[in-house]
Protein backbone atom coordinates (compact mmCIF):
# COMPACT_ATOMS: atom_id res chain seq x y z
CA MET A 1 123.78 124.20 140.03
CA GLY A 2 120.71 125.34 141.55
CA ARG A 3 120.82 125.69 145.79
CA ARG A 4 119.73 122.93 147.81
CA ARG A 5 116.32 123.73 149.26
CA LEU A 6 116.41 123.84 153.19
CA PRO A 7 113.57 121.48 154.99
CA VAL A 8 111.91 125.30 155.94
CA ASP A 9 111.31 125.38 152.37
CA ARG A 10 110.11 121.69 151.56
CA VAL A 11 107.32 121.94 154.58
CA LEU A 12 106.32 125.50 153.41
CA GLU A 13 106.01 124.09 150.21
CA GLU A 14 103.14 121.44 151.31
CA ARG A 15 99.42 122.45 152.32
CA THR A 16 99.63 120.17 155.36
CA GLY A 17 102.73 121.56 156.63
CA ARG A 18 101.77 124.92 156.57
CA GLY A 19 98.50 124.43 157.84
CA LEU A 20 100.03 122.32 161.09
CA LEU A 21 102.52 125.56 161.68
CA ALA A 22 99.67 127.60 161.32
CA ILE A 23 98.02 126.31 164.02
CA ALA A 24 101.44 126.03 165.99
CA LEU A 25 101.89 129.71 165.56
CA ALA A 26 97.86 130.00 166.78
CA LEU A 27 98.48 128.11 170.04
CA ILE A 28 101.84 130.73 170.89
CA VAL A 29 99.60 133.88 169.95
CA ALA A 30 96.27 132.25 172.01
CA ILE A 31 98.31 131.04 175.22
CA SER A 32 99.89 134.36 175.42
CA VAL A 33 96.91 136.90 174.99
CA THR A 34 95.11 134.02 177.48
CA ASP A 35 97.60 134.35 180.00
CA VAL A 36 97.62 138.13 179.84
CA TRP A 37 94.10 138.74 180.04
CA LEU A 38 94.02 136.18 183.21
CA GLY A 39 96.15 138.25 185.18
CA THR A 40 98.78 136.69 187.74
CA SER A 41 96.51 134.40 189.34
CA VAL A 42 96.97 131.95 186.54
CA HIS A 43 99.73 130.66 184.73
CA LEU A 44 99.21 129.75 180.70
CA GLY A 45 102.84 130.03 180.07
CA PRO A 46 104.21 126.47 180.37
CA LEU A 47 101.85 125.33 177.72
CA LEU A 48 103.66 127.03 175.39
CA VAL A 49 105.65 123.95 175.06
CA ILE A 50 102.93 123.13 172.87
CA ALA A 51 103.84 124.65 170.15
CA PRO A 52 107.48 123.52 169.36
CA THR A 53 106.18 120.09 170.17
CA LEU A 54 103.79 120.01 167.37
CA THR A 55 106.12 121.53 164.73
CA ALA A 56 108.82 118.52 165.84
CA SER A 57 105.84 116.66 164.58
CA PHE A 58 106.06 117.34 161.17
CA ALA A 59 109.21 119.72 159.77
CA GLY A 60 113.03 119.07 160.80
CA PRO A 61 115.27 120.74 163.74
CA ARG A 62 115.95 124.12 162.05
CA LEU A 63 112.08 125.18 161.77
CA THR A 64 111.43 123.41 165.27
CA ALA A 65 113.69 125.76 166.96
CA LEU A 66 112.50 128.92 165.12
CA VAL A 67 108.98 128.40 167.04
CA GLY A 68 110.75 127.18 169.94
CA GLY A 69 112.41 130.67 169.74
CA LEU A 70 109.23 132.49 169.36
CA ALA A 71 107.74 130.55 172.19
CA GLU A 72 110.36 131.61 174.40
CA LEU A 73 109.80 135.19 173.10
CA ALA A 74 106.04 135.07 174.23
CA LEU A 75 106.98 133.98 177.49
CA LEU A 76 109.53 136.39 177.76
CA ILE A 77 106.52 139.27 176.73
CA ILE A 78 103.78 137.46 179.49
CA SER A 79 106.19 137.87 182.32
CA VAL A 80 106.79 141.52 180.76
CA PHE A 81 103.09 142.14 181.55
CA HIS A 82 103.19 140.13 185.16
CA GLY A 83 105.87 142.25 186.75
CA GLY A 84 109.43 141.58 184.82
CA LEU A 85 111.62 139.17 184.72
CA SER A 86 112.60 139.41 188.73
CA THR A 87 110.48 137.07 190.12
CA THR A 88 112.10 133.26 190.25
CA ASN A 89 108.54 132.40 188.73
CA HIS A 90 109.07 134.03 185.59
CA MET A 91 113.36 132.79 185.51
CA ALA A 92 111.66 129.50 186.12
CA GLN A 93 109.53 129.19 183.54
CA LEU A 94 111.89 130.67 180.81
CA VAL A 95 114.85 128.33 181.90
CA ALA A 96 112.41 124.98 181.64
CA LEU A 97 110.90 126.37 178.28
CA ALA A 98 114.36 126.76 176.68
CA VAL A 99 115.37 123.40 178.18
CA LEU A 100 111.94 121.49 176.83
CA SER A 101 112.61 123.12 173.57
CA ALA A 102 116.26 122.02 172.61
CA LEU A 103 115.10 118.73 173.83
CA VAL A 104 112.26 118.60 171.03
CA VAL A 105 114.16 119.98 168.57
CA PHE A 106 116.92 117.03 169.49
CA ILE A 107 114.45 114.88 168.94
CA SER A 108 113.07 116.24 165.77
CA SER A 109 116.41 115.94 164.20
CA VAL A 110 116.96 111.89 165.72
CA ARG A 111 113.42 111.53 163.56
CA VAL A 112 114.98 113.45 160.46
CA ARG A 113 117.97 111.36 160.45
CA ARG A 114 115.88 108.31 160.68
CA GLU A 115 113.56 109.29 158.09
CA ARG A 116 116.62 110.05 155.63
CA GLU A 117 118.18 106.40 156.43
CA LEU A 118 114.50 104.77 155.19
CA SER A 119 114.43 106.74 152.63
CA ARG A 120 117.84 105.62 151.45
CA VAL A 121 116.75 102.02 151.85
CA ARG A 122 113.81 102.16 150.26
CA SER A 123 115.77 103.76 147.58
CA VAL A 124 118.16 101.04 147.37
CA ALA A 125 115.43 98.61 147.51
CA GLU A 126 113.44 100.24 144.38
CA THR A 127 116.41 100.37 142.18
CA ALA A 128 117.02 96.72 143.00
CA GLN A 129 113.34 95.76 142.03
CA ARG A 130 114.01 97.51 138.83
CA VAL A 131 117.18 95.90 138.01
CA LEU A 132 116.44 92.34 139.36
CA LEU A 133 112.94 92.23 138.70
CA ARG A 134 112.45 94.29 135.39
CA PRO A 135 108.93 93.94 135.43
CA PRO A 136 106.89 92.65 132.67
CA PRO A 137 105.16 94.92 130.32
CA ARG A 138 101.32 94.49 130.18
CA ARG A 139 101.55 92.88 126.71
CA VAL A 140 103.99 90.01 125.89
CA GLY A 141 103.09 88.48 122.91
CA PRO A 142 99.52 86.87 122.94
CA LEU A 143 99.75 87.40 126.73
CA ALA A 144 98.46 89.93 128.73
CA VAL A 145 100.11 90.03 131.79
CA ALA A 146 99.64 91.64 135.38
CA TRP A 147 101.59 91.71 138.47
CA ARG A 148 101.83 92.36 142.33
CA TYR A 149 104.84 91.76 144.54
CA LEU A 150 104.23 92.06 148.36
CA ALA A 151 107.24 92.48 151.15
CA ALA A 152 107.26 91.13 154.26
CA GLU A 153 109.56 93.81 155.59
CA ASP A 154 108.31 97.43 155.61
CA GLU A 155 111.35 99.21 155.00
CA THR A 156 111.73 97.30 151.58
CA GLN A 157 109.64 96.32 148.37
CA ILE A 158 111.59 93.31 147.49
CA GLY A 159 112.99 90.08 149.01
CA GLY A 160 113.44 86.61 147.63
CA ASP A 161 110.45 85.74 145.56
CA LEU A 162 111.39 86.31 141.73
CA PHE A 163 109.36 85.90 137.94
CA ALA A 164 110.43 86.91 134.82
CA VAL A 165 108.51 87.00 131.35
CA VAL A 166 110.90 86.80 128.60
CA ARG A 167 110.02 86.63 124.95
CA ALA A 168 112.25 83.43 123.60
CA GLY A 169 111.97 83.80 119.52
CA ARG A 170 109.48 85.34 117.64
CA ARG A 171 107.08 82.43 118.41
CA ARG A 172 106.99 81.65 121.85
CA THR A 173 107.35 82.82 125.55
CA ARG A 174 109.28 81.44 128.65
CA VAL A 175 107.86 82.34 132.55
CA ILE A 176 109.70 81.47 135.83
CA ILE A 177 108.13 81.94 139.12
CA GLY A 178 110.40 81.35 142.21
CA ASP A 179 110.95 81.50 145.85
CA VAL A 180 114.14 81.89 147.39
CA ARG A 181 114.82 80.31 151.02
CA GLY A 182 114.27 83.35 153.42
CA HIS A 183 113.07 86.70 152.78
CA GLY A 184 113.44 90.19 153.19
CA LEU A 185 117.17 91.78 151.04
CA ALA A 186 119.35 89.34 152.27
CA SER A 187 117.74 87.02 149.90
CA ILE A 188 118.28 89.36 146.63
CA GLY A 189 121.89 88.32 145.53
CA GLU A 190 120.26 84.37 145.81
CA ALA A 191 116.77 85.68 143.47
CA SER A 192 119.34 87.61 140.92
CA MET A 193 121.59 84.59 140.41
CA VAL A 194 118.41 82.49 139.38
CA MET A 195 117.24 85.62 137.36
CA GLY A 196 119.99 85.85 135.40
CA ALA A 197 120.49 82.45 134.88
CA PHE A 198 116.67 82.81 133.47
CA ARG A 199 117.80 85.42 131.28
CA GLU A 200 120.45 84.58 129.73
CA GLY A 201 119.14 80.69 129.01
CA ALA A 202 115.23 81.90 127.94
CA PRO A 203 116.10 82.75 124.51
CA ARG A 204 119.06 80.40 123.62
CA TYR A 205 117.56 76.81 124.19
CA GLU A 206 114.88 75.73 122.48
CA ALA A 207 113.69 72.76 124.97
CA LEU A 208 112.41 73.69 128.07
CA PRO A 209 114.36 70.38 130.24
CA GLU A 210 117.52 72.22 128.32
CA LEU A 211 116.76 75.37 129.95
CA VAL A 212 115.95 74.29 133.44
CA GLY A 213 119.48 72.40 133.16
CA ALA A 214 121.31 75.29 132.39
CA VAL A 215 119.73 77.14 134.96
CA GLU A 216 119.84 74.10 137.69
CA ASP A 217 123.65 74.02 136.94
CA SER A 218 123.81 78.14 137.46
CA VAL A 219 122.29 77.48 140.95
CA CYS A 220 124.16 74.73 141.70
CA ARG A 221 127.55 76.19 140.98
CA ASP A 222 126.59 79.70 142.33
CA LEU A 223 124.27 79.42 144.98
CA GLU A 224 126.70 79.21 148.06
CA GLU A 225 128.69 81.79 146.89
CA VAL A 226 125.93 84.57 146.95
CA ALA A 227 123.70 83.31 149.59
CA ASP A 228 124.03 85.12 153.25
CA THR A 229 125.07 81.96 155.13
CA VAL A 230 126.31 84.02 158.03
CA ARG A 231 122.87 85.45 158.69
CA ASP A 232 120.98 82.08 157.40
CA PRO A 233 123.53 79.45 157.75
CA GLY A 234 121.05 76.55 156.78
CA GLU A 235 120.51 74.61 153.99
CA HIS A 236 119.84 76.92 150.47
CA PHE A 237 117.48 76.45 147.82
CA VAL A 238 114.82 77.53 145.52
CA THR A 239 111.63 76.57 144.79
CA ALA A 240 110.70 77.55 140.57
CA LEU A 241 108.03 77.09 138.22
CA LEU A 242 108.75 77.40 134.44
CA LEU A 243 106.25 77.54 131.85
CA ASP A 244 106.66 77.40 128.00
CA ILE A 245 104.04 79.28 126.05
CA PRO A 246 103.74 78.61 122.34
CA ASP A 247 101.93 81.93 120.20
CA GLY A 248 100.23 79.90 118.27
CA ASP A 249 99.93 76.52 119.85
CA GLU A 250 97.02 75.83 122.82
CA GLN A 251 99.97 73.25 124.14
CA ALA A 252 101.89 74.74 126.96
CA GLN A 253 104.77 73.24 128.52
CA MET A 254 105.79 73.72 132.63
CA ILE A 255 108.31 72.10 134.59
CA ASN A 256 107.72 72.56 138.35
CA ARG A 257 110.70 72.49 140.77
CA GLY A 258 109.14 71.97 144.29
CA HIS A 259 106.81 74.77 143.84
CA PRO A 260 102.65 75.88 144.19
CA PRO A 261 100.93 74.64 141.12
CA PRO A 262 99.42 77.78 139.35
CA LEU A 263 95.90 77.97 138.75
CA LEU A 264 94.29 77.42 135.32
CA VAL A 265 90.99 79.56 134.88
CA HIS A 266 89.10 78.08 131.90
CA GLY A 267 85.54 78.28 131.32
CA GLY A 268 83.95 78.79 134.80
CA GLU A 269 87.08 76.26 136.45
CA VAL A 270 89.57 76.47 138.34
CA THR A 271 92.25 73.79 137.93
CA ALA A 272 95.64 73.46 140.03
CA LEU A 273 98.38 72.04 137.58
CA HIS A 274 99.74 69.75 139.44
CA PRO A 275 102.64 68.12 138.22
CA ARG A 276 102.67 64.36 137.77
CA THR A 277 106.19 63.77 139.14
CA PRO A 278 106.72 65.74 142.04
CA ALA A 279 110.90 67.08 141.65
CA PRO A 280 113.26 68.67 144.10
CA PRO A 281 113.76 72.46 144.37
CA LEU A 282 116.79 74.09 142.51
CA GLY A 283 119.39 73.59 144.53
CA LEU A 284 119.34 70.65 145.98
CA CYS A 285 122.31 69.20 143.64
CA GLY A 286 123.05 66.17 145.18
CA LEU A 287 119.04 65.17 145.18
CA SER A 288 118.56 66.37 141.52
CA SER A 289 117.38 63.40 138.51
CA GLU A 290 115.84 63.03 135.26
CA ARG A 291 112.53 64.09 137.16
CA GLY A 292 113.56 67.58 137.62
CA SER A 293 112.98 67.84 133.82
CA ARG A 294 109.88 66.17 132.82
CA ILE A 295 107.22 67.73 131.15
CA ASP A 296 103.74 68.57 132.41
CA PRO A 297 101.69 69.45 129.51
CA PHE A 298 98.58 71.53 129.90
CA THR A 299 96.01 73.01 127.54
CA PHE A 300 96.20 77.15 127.44
CA GLU A 301 93.47 78.48 125.57
CA ALA A 302 92.42 81.78 124.42
CA GLY A 303 90.21 83.97 127.36
CA ASP A 304 92.50 81.28 129.47
CA LEU A 305 93.90 83.19 132.67
CA LEU A 306 97.04 81.55 134.39
CA LEU A 307 97.66 82.51 138.37
CA LEU A 308 101.06 82.17 139.44
CA TYR A 309 102.22 82.91 142.82
CA THR A 310 104.47 82.13 145.57
CA ASP A 311 103.89 80.29 148.87
CA GLY A 312 103.81 83.20 150.29
CA VAL A 313 100.35 83.51 149.07
CA ILE A 314 99.02 80.04 150.17
CA GLU A 315 100.65 80.51 153.39
CA ALA A 316 99.57 83.68 154.58
CA ARG A 317 97.34 83.25 158.24
CA SER A 318 94.23 85.39 159.27
CA PRO A 319 94.44 85.70 163.26
CA THR A 320 92.94 83.00 164.23
CA GLY A 321 95.11 80.89 161.91
CA GLY A 322 94.04 80.08 159.22
CA MET A 323 95.88 79.87 155.79
CA TYR A 324 94.74 81.54 153.00
CA PRO A 325 92.50 79.58 150.65
CA LEU A 326 93.60 81.07 146.96
CA ALA A 327 91.97 78.61 144.51
CA ASP A 328 88.56 78.92 146.47
CA ARG A 329 88.85 82.53 146.83
CA VAL A 330 89.79 82.78 143.17
CA ALA A 331 86.48 80.27 142.11
CA SER A 332 84.27 82.80 144.41
CA PHE A 333 85.37 86.09 142.09
CA PRO A 334 83.39 87.01 139.01
CA ALA A 335 85.40 86.37 135.89
CA ALA A 336 87.80 89.09 135.24
CA GLY A 337 91.08 90.21 133.35
CA PRO A 338 94.18 89.94 134.75
CA GLU A 339 94.30 93.19 136.63
CA ALA A 340 90.94 93.11 137.98
CA LEU A 341 91.67 89.59 139.54
CA LEU A 342 95.02 90.36 140.69
CA ARG A 343 93.18 93.62 142.51
CA ARG A 344 90.55 91.15 144.00
CA VAL A 345 93.02 88.73 145.31
CA HIS A 346 95.65 91.36 146.52
CA ARG A 347 92.54 92.83 148.73
CA ASP A 348 91.26 89.71 149.38
CA LEU A 349 94.34 88.69 150.98
CA LEU A 350 95.17 91.61 152.56
CA GLU A 351 92.19 91.52 154.17
CA HIS A 352 92.96 87.92 155.38
CA ALA A 353 95.88 88.02 156.70
CA GLY A 354 94.87 91.50 158.69
CA GLU A 355 96.69 93.96 156.57
CA ARG A 356 100.26 92.60 157.31
CA LEU A 357 102.09 89.54 155.38
CA SER A 358 104.48 87.42 157.24
CA ASP A 359 106.56 86.35 154.22
CA ASP A 360 107.33 87.93 150.48
CA ALA A 361 104.60 87.13 148.29
CA ALA A 362 104.19 87.55 144.87
CA LEU A 363 101.74 87.15 142.00
CA LEU A 364 101.50 86.79 138.57
CA VAL A 365 98.52 86.55 136.45
CA ILE A 366 98.84 85.62 132.45
CA GLU A 367 95.80 85.78 130.37
CA ARG A 368 96.38 84.50 126.68
CA THR A 369 94.77 86.56 124.28
CA ALA A 370 93.48 85.84 120.51
CA SER A 371 96.72 84.53 118.63
CA ARG A 372 97.71 86.59 115.70
CA HIS A 373 98.83 82.81 114.35
CA PRO A 374 97.03 80.61 113.20
CA ARG A 375 96.60 77.17 115.68
CA ARG A 376 97.33 74.21 114.39
CA PRO A 377 95.00 71.13 115.31
CA GLN A 378 95.80 69.48 118.90
CA PHE A 379 94.45 66.72 121.24
CA ALA A 380 93.50 68.40 124.81
CA VAL A 381 96.31 67.17 126.86
CA HIS A 382 96.69 67.54 130.68
CA PRO A 383 98.48 67.02 133.86
CA ASP A 384 97.88 63.87 136.07
CA ASP A 385 93.68 63.26 135.73
CA GLY A 386 93.72 63.96 139.79
CA ARG A 387 94.00 67.40 139.21
CA HIS A 388 92.13 69.85 141.35
CA ARG A 389 89.52 71.66 139.40
CA LEU A 390 86.82 74.43 141.49
CA GLY A 391 83.97 75.68 139.98
CA ILE A 392 83.55 79.59 139.82
CA GLY A 393 81.37 80.37 142.60
CA GLY A 394 81.11 76.94 144.31
CA SER A 395 83.36 74.82 146.48
CA ALA A 396 85.99 72.88 145.74
CA ALA A 397 85.91 69.08 143.67
CA ASP A 398 87.50 67.02 142.73
CA ARG A 399 86.83 65.29 139.04
């Protein structure tokens, strides 16, 4: 087994750390030389505390203590040049520098301990993200996929938003995006339960309503057991949008359970695919009915883009209080592939919200590429006639 490296070693391996350490040591030398040269009329020795204070900002307590010791030695040398240690002034300066250096070392140890705690939290969040989300590959069958997850809490990288893209056999892909009530680490249990039910059922059930029913049963059965009812005693539910996208068929299906409608980008237009019949979110079992399994078909052709998102995107507020107009913004962007569109939305969203979101937000962009299977002739089928369309580069219009 190799020896564990001390924090001093890690600091010295970084160019920035070496540079800052050199500045701290140079300050000790400069202050000492100047103080000796100026004589007894000016006392610069107390300024030596700057060196350990600067070191504490980037290094651990060991290196901070080392620099503090060098500063104490430098002050001792200054005292010898100015009449020795017999004067009360020099003794007071030495004691004060020792006390201040010890305080700075303590502050450095507290900072290092806090950084280690945050590192452990981030490590747990990253592991949970890999296990729970299992980010989809860039290609899933004939689909190109891109995604972003923006957590509202600084210490986490995952919260109550969820999404997955799963192959169901050789000829179709199933997609889910959802939003658990609440956000942050407390909602991970609920999100993992929904994701587990979806991943298990996606390849097993032939019809999309059957898959939605299986996920609903799992949520109704297990939600209260995994929900954090201590810190969040209110009602728990999950909004969700589930899609079934055949490889060789332009007709896709969706079932929307209280989730924001996806945006379809096709031929220079942005269309909000609203469900014909609103259905309650998953988990409100007493309100569930056959409406919750009604399919809304829509045409998804080669070259089309689907933008799925959670309400943390459209509810992101600007400093003046305005919500983010996602559909209008997407319509104003030039035509682009999934990853380029996602980057534009991501950057524009953060600029709108002042670089900080108040809720978790997830974005998933799916593009149908040229299918490897021949298409069957189909009539174009769309959701309700009152769907919302936007022209690329134009303003909203109902058609």
